[in-house]
């Protein structure tokens, strides 16, 4: 498996790369599994379950893209680590359900290494803490190959989330790792997250 850290990217730039690797892997399953890691310039993305009321007051200067992943609307920006696994699920012996569980587990174990109790919610996908939702999952699977993926809030500006109903969840706030560890940066969290990706994928 190849892990590529793209640094800070425009959303469309990362999406084009995902789709290129995804198409190559659809054509030839022997193409190496690839995990892209990035932070994005501010962007909102909407998924299959987004409804109009989830879009409260999006600033006109921030792009909004409709994406073919599952889930509702979310925000990506600096201070949030985004992970795009482009992998063949059959090769990993993963069902779609187990793949989503695995992405959540990667984030839960990363939080655990930092002394933070992360957990699943019976009602919603993603990873939660006693201060709110910190990890997000939205994937697309076609012919057993995945793209899109997960994001983990480290020290993102949470005011951007107040402009939407993130993931359609109204009763749980959004949290950062920095709510528990003031001053923490994505560069400090990323090596831990990568080790968990290697462990589970």
N, C-alpha and C. Protein backbone atom coordinates (compact mmCIF):
# COMPACT_ATOMS: atom_id res chain seq x y z
N UNK A 1 0.84 -1.20 0.00
CA UNK A 1 0.00 0.00 0.00
C UNK A 1 0.87 1.24 0.00
N UNK A 2 0.50 2.21 -0.82
CA UNK A 2 1.25 3.46 -0.95
C UNK A 2 0.49 4.57 -0.24
N UNK A 3 1.18 5.30 0.63
CA UNK A 3 0.58 6.44 1.33
C UNK A 3 1.24 7.72 0.81
N UNK A 4 0.43 8.65 0.32
CA UNK A 4 0.95 9.89 -0.27
C UNK A 4 0.39 11.08 0.50
N UNK A 5 1.28 11.89 1.07
CA UNK A 5 0.88 13.11 1.77
C UNK A 5 0.93 14.26 0.77
N UNK A 6 -0.24 14.77 0.42
CA UNK A 6 -0.34 15.83 -0.59
C UNK A 6 -0.14 17.23 -0.01
N UNK A 7 -0.09 17.34 1.31
CA UNK A 7 -0.02 18.66 1.91
C UNK A 7 -1.35 19.38 1.78
N UNK A 8 -1.31 20.70 1.59
CA UNK A 8 -2.52 21.52 1.47
C UNK A 8 -2.96 21.57 0.00
N UNK A 9 -4.21 21.18 -0.28
CA UNK A 9 -4.68 21.11 -1.66
C UNK A 9 -6.04 21.77 -1.81
N UNK A 10 -6.32 22.22 -3.03
CA UNK A 10 -7.68 22.55 -3.43
C UNK A 10 -8.47 21.24 -3.52
N UNK A 11 -9.73 21.28 -3.13
CA UNK A 11 -10.53 20.06 -3.12
C UNK A 11 -10.56 19.39 -4.49
N UNK A 12 -10.78 20.17 -5.53
CA UNK A 12 -10.90 19.61 -6.88
C UNK A 12 -9.60 18.96 -7.35
N UNK A 13 -8.48 19.50 -6.92
CA UNK A 13 -7.18 18.92 -7.26
C UNK A 13 -7.08 17.51 -6.68
N UNK A 14 -7.43 17.35 -5.41
CA UNK A 14 -7.37 16.03 -4.78
C UNK A 14 -8.40 15.09 -5.38
N UNK A 15 -9.57 15.63 -5.73
CA UNK A 15 -10.62 14.79 -6.31
C UNK A 15 -10.19 14.24 -7.67
N UNK A 16 -9.57 15.08 -8.48
CA UNK A 16 -9.09 14.61 -9.79
C UNK A 16 -8.08 13.48 -9.64
N UNK A 17 -7.17 13.63 -8.68
CA UNK A 17 -6.17 12.59 -8.44
C UNK A 17 -6.83 11.31 -7.96
N UNK A 18 -7.78 11.44 -7.02
CA UNK A 18 -8.53 10.26 -6.56
C UNK A 18 -9.17 9.52 -7.73
N UNK A 19 -9.86 10.26 -8.56
CA UNK A 19 -10.60 9.64 -9.66
C UNK A 19 -9.66 8.98 -10.66
N UNK A 20 -8.49 9.58 -10.88
CA UNK A 20 -7.53 8.96 -11.80
C UNK A 20 -7.04 7.62 -11.26
N UNK A 21 -6.66 7.61 -9.97
CA UNK A 21 -6.18 6.36 -9.37
C UNK A 21 -7.32 5.34 -9.29
N UNK A 22 -8.51 5.81 -8.94
CA UNK A 22 -9.68 4.95 -8.87
C UNK A 22 -9.95 4.29 -10.22
N UNK A 23 -9.91 5.06 -11.30
CA UNK A 23 -10.16 4.51 -12.63
C UNK A 23 -9.10 3.49 -13.02
N UNK A 24 -7.85 3.77 -12.67
CA UNK A 24 -6.77 2.82 -12.97
C UNK A 24 -6.99 1.51 -12.22
N UNK A 25 -7.46 1.63 -10.98
CA UNK A 25 -7.64 0.42 -10.17
C UNK A 25 -8.86 -0.37 -10.62
N UNK A 26 -9.89 0.31 -11.09
CA UNK A 26 -11.05 -0.37 -11.66
C UNK A 26 -10.64 -1.19 -12.89
N UNK A 27 -9.79 -0.59 -13.72
CA UNK A 27 -9.33 -1.27 -14.93
C UNK A 27 -8.38 -2.42 -14.63
N UNK A 28 -7.57 -2.25 -13.58
CA UNK A 28 -6.54 -3.24 -13.28
C UNK A 28 -6.41 -3.38 -11.76
N UNK A 29 -6.96 -4.44 -11.20
CA UNK A 29 -6.99 -4.62 -9.74
C UNK A 29 -5.59 -4.82 -9.15
N UNK A 30 -4.59 -5.06 -10.00
CA UNK A 30 -3.23 -5.21 -9.49
C UNK A 30 -2.56 -3.86 -9.21
N UNK A 31 -3.18 -2.76 -9.64
CA UNK A 31 -2.66 -1.43 -9.32
C UNK A 31 -2.60 -1.29 -7.79
N UNK A 32 -1.51 -0.76 -7.30
CA UNK A 32 -1.28 -0.70 -5.86
C UNK A 32 -2.35 0.12 -5.14
N UNK A 33 -2.82 -0.41 -4.00
CA UNK A 33 -3.71 0.37 -3.14
C UNK A 33 -3.01 1.67 -2.74
N UNK A 34 -3.77 2.76 -2.73
CA UNK A 34 -3.19 4.08 -2.45
C UNK A 34 -4.04 4.82 -1.43
N UNK A 35 -3.38 5.45 -0.48
CA UNK A 35 -4.07 6.31 0.49
C UNK A 35 -3.52 7.72 0.35
N UNK A 36 -4.39 8.66 0.03
CA UNK A 36 -4.01 10.07 -0.07
C UNK A 36 -4.35 10.77 1.24
N UNK A 37 -3.42 11.59 1.71
CA UNK A 37 -3.64 12.36 2.94
C UNK A 37 -3.45 13.84 2.60
N UNK A 38 -4.36 14.68 3.08
CA UNK A 38 -4.28 16.10 2.72
C UNK A 38 -4.98 16.96 3.77
N UNK A 39 -4.76 18.27 3.65
CA UNK A 39 -5.65 19.28 4.22
C UNK A 39 -6.17 20.07 3.04
N UNK A 40 -7.36 20.62 3.16
CA UNK A 40 -7.94 21.37 2.05
C UNK A 40 -8.06 22.85 2.38
N UNK A 41 -7.96 23.67 1.33
CA UNK A 41 -8.44 25.04 1.46
C UNK A 41 -9.95 24.96 1.73
N UNK A 42 -10.55 25.96 2.38
CA UNK A 42 -11.95 25.86 2.80
C UNK A 42 -12.90 25.47 1.67
N UNK A 43 -13.74 24.47 1.96
CA UNK A 43 -14.69 23.96 0.98
C UNK A 43 -15.81 23.22 1.70
N UNK A 44 -17.01 23.33 1.16
CA UNK A 44 -18.13 22.50 1.62
C UNK A 44 -18.41 21.44 0.57
N UNK A 45 -18.72 20.23 1.02
CA UNK A 45 -19.15 19.18 0.08
C UNK A 45 -20.46 18.59 0.57
N UNK A 46 -21.32 18.27 -0.39
CA UNK A 46 -22.61 17.66 -0.07
C UNK A 46 -22.64 16.24 -0.60
N UNK A 47 -23.29 15.35 0.17
CA UNK A 47 -23.40 13.95 -0.22
C UNK A 47 -24.82 13.59 -0.57
N UNK A 48 -25.07 12.29 -0.66
CA UNK A 48 -26.34 11.80 -1.17
C UNK A 48 -27.53 12.12 -0.28
N UNK A 49 -27.30 12.31 1.03
CA UNK A 49 -28.43 12.54 1.93
C UNK A 49 -28.60 14.01 2.31
N UNK A 50 -27.89 14.90 1.64
CA UNK A 50 -28.01 16.33 1.96
C UNK A 50 -29.39 16.85 1.59
N UNK A 51 -30.02 17.57 2.49
CA UNK A 51 -31.27 18.25 2.18
C UNK A 51 -31.05 19.76 2.31
N UNK A 52 -31.97 20.53 1.74
CA UNK A 52 -31.78 21.98 1.67
C UNK A 52 -31.60 22.60 3.06
N UNK A 53 -32.32 22.10 4.05
CA UNK A 53 -32.23 22.70 5.39
C UNK A 53 -30.88 22.46 6.07
N UNK A 54 -30.08 21.54 5.54
CA UNK A 54 -28.74 21.31 6.11
C UNK A 54 -27.78 22.43 5.72
N UNK A 55 -28.14 23.21 4.71
CA UNK A 55 -27.29 24.30 4.22
C UNK A 55 -27.81 25.61 4.78
N UNK A 56 -27.31 26.00 5.92
CA UNK A 56 -27.88 27.15 6.62
C UNK A 56 -27.49 28.48 5.98
N UNK A 57 -26.21 28.79 5.99
CA UNK A 57 -25.74 30.12 5.55
C UNK A 57 -24.30 30.00 5.08
N UNK A 58 -24.12 29.38 3.93
CA UNK A 58 -22.77 29.17 3.42
C UNK A 58 -22.22 30.47 2.83
N UNK A 59 -21.02 30.88 3.25
CA UNK A 59 -20.44 32.13 2.72
C UNK A 59 -20.26 32.04 1.20
N UNK A 60 -20.55 33.12 0.49
CA UNK A 60 -20.49 33.08 -0.98
C UNK A 60 -19.09 32.87 -1.53
N UNK A 61 -18.06 33.13 -0.71
CA UNK A 61 -16.68 33.00 -1.22
C UNK A 61 -16.10 31.61 -1.02
N UNK A 62 -16.88 30.67 -0.46
CA UNK A 62 -16.39 29.31 -0.24
C UNK A 62 -17.12 28.36 -1.19
N UNK A 63 -16.38 27.58 -1.98
CA UNK A 63 -17.03 26.69 -2.95
C UNK A 63 -17.81 25.57 -2.28
N UNK A 64 -18.84 25.11 -3.00
CA UNK A 64 -19.65 23.98 -2.56
C UNK A 64 -19.68 22.97 -3.71
N UNK A 65 -19.32 21.73 -3.42
CA UNK A 65 -19.31 20.69 -4.45
C UNK A 65 -20.24 19.56 -4.05
N UNK A 66 -21.05 19.13 -5.01
CA UNK A 66 -21.91 17.97 -4.81
C UNK A 66 -21.12 16.72 -5.19
N UNK A 67 -20.98 15.81 -4.24
CA UNK A 67 -20.09 14.66 -4.40
C UNK A 67 -20.90 13.37 -4.30
N UNK A 68 -20.43 12.32 -4.96
CA UNK A 68 -21.18 11.07 -5.01
C UNK A 68 -20.98 10.16 -3.82
N UNK A 69 -20.41 10.68 -2.74
CA UNK A 69 -20.23 9.87 -1.53
C UNK A 69 -21.53 9.79 -0.75
N UNK A 70 -21.55 8.90 0.26
CA UNK A 70 -22.66 8.86 1.19
C UNK A 70 -22.59 10.02 2.18
N UNK A 71 -23.67 10.21 2.94
CA UNK A 71 -23.69 11.24 3.97
C UNK A 71 -24.24 12.56 3.47
N UNK A 72 -24.26 13.55 4.37
CA UNK A 72 -24.81 14.86 4.07
C UNK A 72 -23.68 15.86 3.87
N UNK A 73 -23.93 17.11 4.23
CA UNK A 73 -22.96 18.16 3.99
C UNK A 73 -21.88 18.17 5.08
N UNK A 74 -20.66 18.52 4.68
CA UNK A 74 -19.60 18.71 5.65
C UNK A 74 -18.66 19.81 5.16
N UNK A 75 -17.74 20.17 6.04
CA UNK A 75 -16.75 21.22 5.73
C UNK A 75 -15.36 20.61 5.80
N UNK A 76 -14.48 21.04 4.89
CA UNK A 76 -13.06 20.71 4.95
C UNK A 76 -12.27 22.01 4.96
N UNK A 77 -11.22 22.06 5.78
CA UNK A 77 -10.39 23.25 5.83
C UNK A 77 -9.09 22.97 6.55
N UNK A 78 -8.26 24.00 6.63
CA UNK A 78 -6.98 23.86 7.34
C UNK A 78 -7.24 23.41 8.78
N UNK A 79 -6.37 22.55 9.27
CA UNK A 79 -6.52 22.05 10.63
C UNK A 79 -7.32 20.77 10.70
N UNK A 80 -7.71 20.24 9.55
CA UNK A 80 -8.45 18.97 9.49
C UNK A 80 -7.68 18.03 8.56
N UNK A 81 -7.37 16.85 9.05
CA UNK A 81 -6.67 15.85 8.22
C UNK A 81 -7.72 15.04 7.46
N UNK A 82 -7.57 15.01 6.14
CA UNK A 82 -8.50 14.27 5.28
C UNK A 82 -7.76 13.10 4.67
N UNK A 83 -8.39 11.92 4.69
CA UNK A 83 -7.76 10.68 4.23
C UNK A 83 -8.65 10.05 3.17
N UNK A 84 -8.05 9.79 2.00
CA UNK A 84 -8.78 9.18 0.89
C UNK A 84 -8.15 7.82 0.54
N UNK A 85 -8.70 6.71 1.07
CA UNK A 85 -8.18 5.39 0.70
C UNK A 85 -8.79 4.93 -0.62
N UNK A 86 -7.94 4.62 -1.59
CA UNK A 86 -8.39 4.07 -2.86
C UNK A 86 -7.89 2.63 -2.89
N UNK A 87 -8.70 1.74 -2.36
CA UNK A 87 -8.27 0.37 -2.13
C UNK A 87 -9.31 -0.62 -2.65
N UNK A 88 -8.86 -1.83 -2.91
CA UNK A 88 -9.76 -2.90 -3.36
C UNK A 88 -10.23 -3.66 -2.12
N UNK A 89 -11.52 -3.54 -1.81
CA UNK A 89 -12.03 -4.12 -0.57
C UNK A 89 -11.90 -5.63 -0.54
N UNK A 90 -12.11 -6.27 -1.68
CA UNK A 90 -11.99 -7.74 -1.69
C UNK A 90 -10.57 -8.17 -1.36
N UNK A 91 -9.61 -7.39 -1.86
CA UNK A 91 -8.21 -7.72 -1.57
C UNK A 91 -7.89 -7.61 -0.09
N UNK A 92 -8.62 -6.75 0.60
CA UNK A 92 -8.44 -6.59 2.05
C UNK A 92 -9.43 -7.44 2.84
N UNK A 93 -10.27 -8.19 2.12
CA UNK A 93 -11.31 -9.02 2.75
C UNK A 93 -12.23 -8.17 3.64
N UNK A 94 -12.64 -7.02 3.07
CA UNK A 94 -13.51 -6.10 3.80
C UNK A 94 -14.85 -5.98 3.09
N UNK A 95 -15.93 -6.06 3.86
CA UNK A 95 -17.23 -5.66 3.34
C UNK A 95 -17.31 -4.14 3.44
N UNK A 96 -18.33 -3.55 2.80
CA UNK A 96 -18.49 -2.10 2.90
C UNK A 96 -18.69 -1.70 4.37
N UNK A 97 -19.53 -2.44 5.07
CA UNK A 97 -19.79 -2.14 6.48
C UNK A 97 -18.51 -2.22 7.31
N UNK A 98 -17.71 -3.26 7.07
CA UNK A 98 -16.46 -3.41 7.81
C UNK A 98 -15.44 -2.34 7.44
N UNK A 99 -15.50 -1.89 6.19
CA UNK A 99 -14.59 -0.82 5.76
C UNK A 99 -14.90 0.47 6.51
N UNK A 100 -16.16 0.83 6.60
CA UNK A 100 -16.55 2.02 7.34
C UNK A 100 -16.15 1.88 8.81
N UNK A 101 -16.39 0.70 9.39
CA UNK A 101 -15.99 0.42 10.78
C UNK A 101 -14.49 0.61 10.94
N UNK A 102 -13.73 0.13 9.96
CA UNK A 102 -12.27 0.23 10.02
C UNK A 102 -11.80 1.68 9.98
N UNK A 103 -12.42 2.49 9.13
CA UNK A 103 -12.05 3.92 9.10
C UNK A 103 -12.34 4.57 10.45
N UNK A 104 -13.46 4.25 11.03
CA UNK A 104 -13.77 4.77 12.37
C UNK A 104 -12.73 4.29 13.39
N UNK A 105 -12.35 3.02 13.30
CA UNK A 105 -11.41 2.46 14.26
C UNK A 105 -10.04 3.13 14.14
N UNK A 106 -9.62 3.45 12.92
CA UNK A 106 -8.35 4.16 12.73
C UNK A 106 -8.36 5.48 13.51
N UNK A 107 -9.48 6.20 13.42
CA UNK A 107 -9.56 7.48 14.14
C UNK A 107 -9.69 7.28 15.65
N UNK A 108 -10.45 6.28 16.06
CA UNK A 108 -10.61 6.01 17.49
C UNK A 108 -9.27 5.66 18.13
N UNK A 109 -8.48 4.82 17.46
CA UNK A 109 -7.18 4.43 18.02
C UNK A 109 -6.19 5.60 17.99
N UNK A 110 -6.29 6.45 16.98
CA UNK A 110 -5.45 7.65 16.94
C UNK A 110 -5.76 8.55 18.13
N UNK A 111 -7.04 8.75 18.39
CA UNK A 111 -7.43 9.55 19.56
C UNK A 111 -6.93 8.90 20.85
N UNK A 112 -7.05 7.58 20.93
CA UNK A 112 -6.60 6.86 22.12
C UNK A 112 -5.13 7.08 22.41
N UNK A 113 -4.31 7.13 21.35
CA UNK A 113 -2.87 7.38 21.52
C UNK A 113 -2.63 8.77 22.11
N UNK A 114 -3.58 9.66 21.89
CA UNK A 114 -3.47 11.03 22.40
C UNK A 114 -4.17 11.21 23.75
N UNK A 115 -4.68 10.10 24.29
CA UNK A 115 -5.34 10.16 25.59
C UNK A 115 -6.78 10.65 25.54
N UNK A 116 -7.39 10.56 24.35
CA UNK A 116 -8.77 11.02 24.17
C UNK A 116 -9.67 9.82 23.93
N UNK A 117 -10.79 9.78 24.61
CA UNK A 117 -11.75 8.69 24.44
C UNK A 117 -12.67 8.98 23.26
N UNK A 118 -12.42 8.30 22.14
CA UNK A 118 -13.29 8.41 20.98
C UNK A 118 -14.17 7.17 20.88
N UNK A 119 -15.36 7.33 20.39
CA UNK A 119 -16.28 6.19 20.33
C UNK A 119 -17.28 6.36 19.19
N UNK A 120 -17.95 5.26 18.88
CA UNK A 120 -19.00 5.28 17.86
C UNK A 120 -20.33 5.67 18.51
N UNK A 121 -21.23 6.13 17.66
CA UNK A 121 -22.59 6.46 18.08
C UNK A 121 -23.53 5.49 17.38
N UNK A 122 -24.45 4.89 18.11
CA UNK A 122 -25.34 3.89 17.52
C UNK A 122 -26.19 4.47 16.39
N UNK A 123 -26.45 5.75 16.44
CA UNK A 123 -27.35 6.37 15.48
C UNK A 123 -26.64 6.93 14.25
N UNK A 124 -25.37 7.39 14.46
CA UNK A 124 -24.68 8.12 13.39
C UNK A 124 -23.33 7.49 13.08
N UNK A 125 -22.89 7.65 11.84
CA UNK A 125 -21.54 7.24 11.43
C UNK A 125 -20.55 8.29 11.89
N UNK A 126 -19.29 7.88 12.06
CA UNK A 126 -18.25 8.80 12.47
C UNK A 126 -17.72 8.48 13.84
N UNK A 127 -16.93 9.41 14.38
CA UNK A 127 -16.30 9.23 15.69
C UNK A 127 -16.64 10.41 16.58
N UNK A 128 -17.00 10.10 17.81
CA UNK A 128 -17.51 11.09 18.75
C UNK A 128 -16.67 11.11 20.02
N UNK A 129 -16.72 12.24 20.72
CA UNK A 129 -16.10 12.39 22.03
C UNK A 129 -17.12 13.05 22.96
N UNK A 130 -16.75 13.20 24.21
CA UNK A 130 -17.69 13.83 25.14
C UNK A 130 -17.82 15.34 24.89
N UNK A 131 -17.06 15.86 23.93
CA UNK A 131 -17.19 17.28 23.55
C UNK A 131 -17.77 17.45 22.16
N UNK A 132 -18.09 16.36 21.48
CA UNK A 132 -18.71 16.46 20.17
C UNK A 132 -18.10 15.53 19.15
N UNK A 133 -18.56 15.66 17.91
CA UNK A 133 -18.11 14.80 16.82
C UNK A 133 -16.79 15.33 16.27
N UNK A 134 -15.79 14.44 16.20
CA UNK A 134 -14.46 14.84 15.79
C UNK A 134 -14.01 14.15 14.51
N UNK A 135 -14.63 13.02 14.18
CA UNK A 135 -14.24 12.25 13.00
C UNK A 135 -15.42 11.99 12.08
N UNK A 136 -15.19 12.09 10.77
CA UNK A 136 -16.27 12.02 9.78
C UNK A 136 -15.93 10.96 8.74
N UNK A 137 -16.95 10.25 8.27
CA UNK A 137 -16.75 9.20 7.26
C UNK A 137 -17.78 9.38 6.14
N UNK A 138 -17.33 9.36 4.90
CA UNK A 138 -18.21 9.38 3.75
C UNK A 138 -17.50 8.72 2.59
N UNK A 139 -17.97 7.57 2.15
CA UNK A 139 -17.25 6.81 1.14
C UNK A 139 -18.12 6.52 -0.08
N UNK A 140 -17.45 6.17 -1.16
CA UNK A 140 -18.10 5.68 -2.37
C UNK A 140 -17.39 4.39 -2.75
N UNK A 141 -18.16 3.34 -3.03
CA UNK A 141 -17.61 2.05 -3.44
C UNK A 141 -18.18 1.69 -4.81
N UNK A 142 -17.31 1.35 -5.73
CA UNK A 142 -17.75 0.88 -7.04
C UNK A 142 -16.86 -0.27 -7.46
N UNK A 143 -17.48 -1.40 -7.80
CA UNK A 143 -16.75 -2.60 -8.20
C UNK A 143 -15.66 -2.94 -7.18
N UNK A 144 -16.04 -2.82 -5.91
CA UNK A 144 -15.21 -3.18 -4.75
C UNK A 144 -14.04 -2.23 -4.52
N UNK A 145 -13.97 -1.12 -5.26
CA UNK A 145 -12.89 -0.15 -5.05
C UNK A 145 -13.47 1.08 -4.38
N UNK A 146 -12.77 1.58 -3.36
CA UNK A 146 -13.26 2.71 -2.57
C UNK A 146 -12.61 4.02 -3.02
N UNK A 147 -13.34 5.11 -2.84
CA UNK A 147 -12.72 6.43 -2.81
C UNK A 147 -13.56 7.35 -1.94
N UNK A 148 -13.17 8.62 -1.85
CA UNK A 148 -13.58 9.50 -0.75
C UNK A 148 -13.07 8.85 0.55
N UNK A 149 -13.60 9.14 1.72
CA UNK A 149 -12.98 8.53 2.89
C UNK A 149 -13.38 9.14 4.21
N UNK A 150 -12.40 9.72 4.92
CA UNK A 150 -12.65 10.18 6.29
C UNK A 150 -11.88 11.46 6.56
N UNK A 151 -12.32 12.18 7.59
CA UNK A 151 -11.61 13.38 8.02
C UNK A 151 -11.62 13.46 9.54
N UNK A 152 -10.53 14.01 10.07
CA UNK A 152 -10.35 14.11 11.52
C UNK A 152 -10.00 15.55 11.87
N UNK A 153 -10.84 16.16 12.70
CA UNK A 153 -10.62 17.55 13.11
C UNK A 153 -9.50 17.63 14.14
N UNK A 154 -8.48 18.41 13.83
CA UNK A 154 -7.39 18.63 14.78
C UNK A 154 -7.54 20.01 15.41
N UNK A 155 -7.42 21.05 14.60
CA UNK A 155 -7.63 22.41 15.12
C UNK A 155 -8.30 23.28 14.07
N UNK A 156 -9.28 22.73 13.38
CA UNK A 156 -10.01 23.44 12.33
C UNK A 156 -10.87 24.55 12.94
N UNK A 157 -11.11 25.60 12.19
CA UNK A 157 -11.99 26.69 12.63
C UNK A 157 -13.43 26.19 12.63
N UNK A 158 -13.96 25.95 13.80
CA UNK A 158 -15.29 25.33 13.90
C UNK A 158 -16.42 26.27 13.49
N UNK A 159 -16.13 27.56 13.35
CA UNK A 159 -17.19 28.48 12.94
C UNK A 159 -17.73 28.15 11.55
N UNK A 160 -16.90 27.52 10.71
CA UNK A 160 -17.37 27.12 9.39
C UNK A 160 -18.48 26.08 9.47
N UNK A 161 -18.43 25.25 10.51
CA UNK A 161 -19.46 24.22 10.69
C UNK A 161 -20.79 24.82 11.15
N UNK A 162 -20.72 26.01 11.76
CA UNK A 162 -21.96 26.64 12.24
C UNK A 162 -22.82 27.14 11.08
N UNK A 163 -22.26 27.19 9.87
CA UNK A 163 -23.01 27.64 8.69
C UNK A 163 -23.83 26.51 8.06
N UNK A 164 -23.65 25.29 8.57
CA UNK A 164 -24.35 24.12 8.03
C UNK A 164 -24.88 23.27 9.19
N UNK A 165 -25.63 22.25 8.87
CA UNK A 165 -25.93 21.19 9.85
C UNK A 165 -25.04 20.02 9.46
N UNK A 166 -23.87 19.90 10.09
CA UNK A 166 -22.88 18.92 9.65
C UNK A 166 -23.41 17.49 9.69
N UNK A 167 -23.33 16.82 8.55
CA UNK A 167 -23.79 15.43 8.43
C UNK A 167 -25.28 15.30 8.76
N UNK A 168 -26.00 16.43 8.78
CA UNK A 168 -27.42 16.39 9.12
C UNK A 168 -27.70 16.17 10.60
N UNK A 169 -26.67 16.29 11.44
CA UNK A 169 -26.81 16.05 12.88
C UNK A 169 -26.99 17.38 13.60
N UNK A 170 -28.15 17.58 14.22
CA UNK A 170 -28.44 18.86 14.87
C UNK A 170 -28.13 18.86 16.36
N UNK A 171 -28.10 17.68 16.98
CA UNK A 171 -28.06 17.63 18.45
C UNK A 171 -26.67 17.34 19.02
N UNK A 172 -25.63 17.28 18.16
CA UNK A 172 -24.28 17.01 18.64
C UNK A 172 -23.34 18.05 18.03
N UNK A 173 -22.56 18.76 18.86
CA UNK A 173 -21.64 19.77 18.31
C UNK A 173 -20.43 19.12 17.62
N UNK A 174 -19.69 19.94 16.90
CA UNK A 174 -18.44 19.51 16.28
C UNK A 174 -17.29 19.81 17.24
N UNK A 175 -16.33 18.89 17.32
CA UNK A 175 -15.20 19.04 18.24
C UNK A 175 -13.88 18.98 17.49
N UNK A 176 -12.83 19.43 18.15
CA UNK A 176 -11.45 19.33 17.68
C UNK A 176 -10.61 18.55 18.68
N UNK A 177 -9.54 17.94 18.20
CA UNK A 177 -8.56 17.37 19.13
C UNK A 177 -7.99 18.48 20.01
N UNK A 178 -7.86 19.69 19.46
CA UNK A 178 -7.31 20.81 20.24
C UNK A 178 -8.22 21.23 21.39
N UNK A 179 -9.48 20.78 21.40
CA UNK A 179 -10.34 21.03 22.55
C UNK A 179 -9.82 20.28 23.78
N UNK A 180 -9.10 19.19 23.52
CA UNK A 180 -8.54 18.37 24.59
C UNK A 180 -7.05 18.65 24.79
N UNK A 181 -6.36 18.97 23.70
CA UNK A 181 -4.91 19.21 23.74
C UNK A 181 -4.64 20.57 23.09
N UNK A 182 -4.72 21.66 23.84
CA UNK A 182 -4.52 22.98 23.25
C UNK A 182 -3.17 23.09 22.55
N UNK A 183 -3.19 23.69 21.37
CA UNK A 183 -1.95 23.92 20.64
C UNK A 183 -1.53 22.78 19.72
N UNK A 184 -2.26 21.67 19.76
CA UNK A 184 -1.88 20.54 18.90
C UNK A 184 -2.08 20.90 17.43
N UNK A 185 -1.23 20.34 16.56
CA UNK A 185 -1.30 20.63 15.14
C UNK A 185 -1.48 19.35 14.33
N UNK A 186 -1.97 19.48 13.09
CA UNK A 186 -2.08 18.29 12.24
C UNK A 186 -0.75 17.58 12.04
N UNK A 187 0.35 18.32 11.99
CA UNK A 187 1.65 17.68 11.79
C UNK A 187 2.04 16.79 12.96
N UNK A 188 1.50 17.07 14.15
CA UNK A 188 1.77 16.22 15.30
C UNK A 188 0.88 14.98 15.30
N UNK A 189 -0.33 15.12 14.78
CA UNK A 189 -1.29 14.01 14.79
C UNK A 189 -1.06 13.07 13.61
N UNK A 190 -0.62 13.60 12.50
CA UNK A 190 -0.54 12.83 11.25
C UNK A 190 0.30 11.55 11.38
N UNK A 191 1.50 11.58 12.01
CA UNK A 191 2.27 10.33 12.09
C UNK A 191 1.54 9.22 12.86
N UNK A 192 0.78 9.60 13.87
CA UNK A 192 0.00 8.60 14.62
C UNK A 192 -1.08 8.02 13.73
N UNK A 193 -1.77 8.90 13.01
CA UNK A 193 -2.85 8.47 12.12
C UNK A 193 -2.30 7.54 11.03
N UNK A 194 -1.15 7.86 10.48
CA UNK A 194 -0.54 7.03 9.43
C UNK A 194 -0.22 5.64 9.95
N UNK A 195 0.30 5.57 11.18
CA UNK A 195 0.60 4.26 11.77
C UNK A 195 -0.67 3.42 11.91
N UNK A 196 -1.78 4.05 12.27
CA UNK A 196 -3.04 3.31 12.40
C UNK A 196 -3.57 2.89 11.02
N UNK A 197 -3.37 3.74 10.02
CA UNK A 197 -3.75 3.35 8.66
C UNK A 197 -2.99 2.11 8.22
N UNK A 198 -1.68 2.10 8.49
CA UNK A 198 -0.86 0.94 8.14
C UNK A 198 -1.30 -0.31 8.90
N UNK A 199 -1.72 -0.12 10.14
CA UNK A 199 -2.16 -1.25 10.95
C UNK A 199 -3.44 -1.88 10.42
N UNK A 200 -4.40 -1.05 10.03
CA UNK A 200 -5.73 -1.55 9.69
C UNK A 200 -5.97 -1.75 8.20
N UNK A 201 -5.23 -1.05 7.35
CA UNK A 201 -5.45 -1.17 5.92
C UNK A 201 -4.25 -1.82 5.22
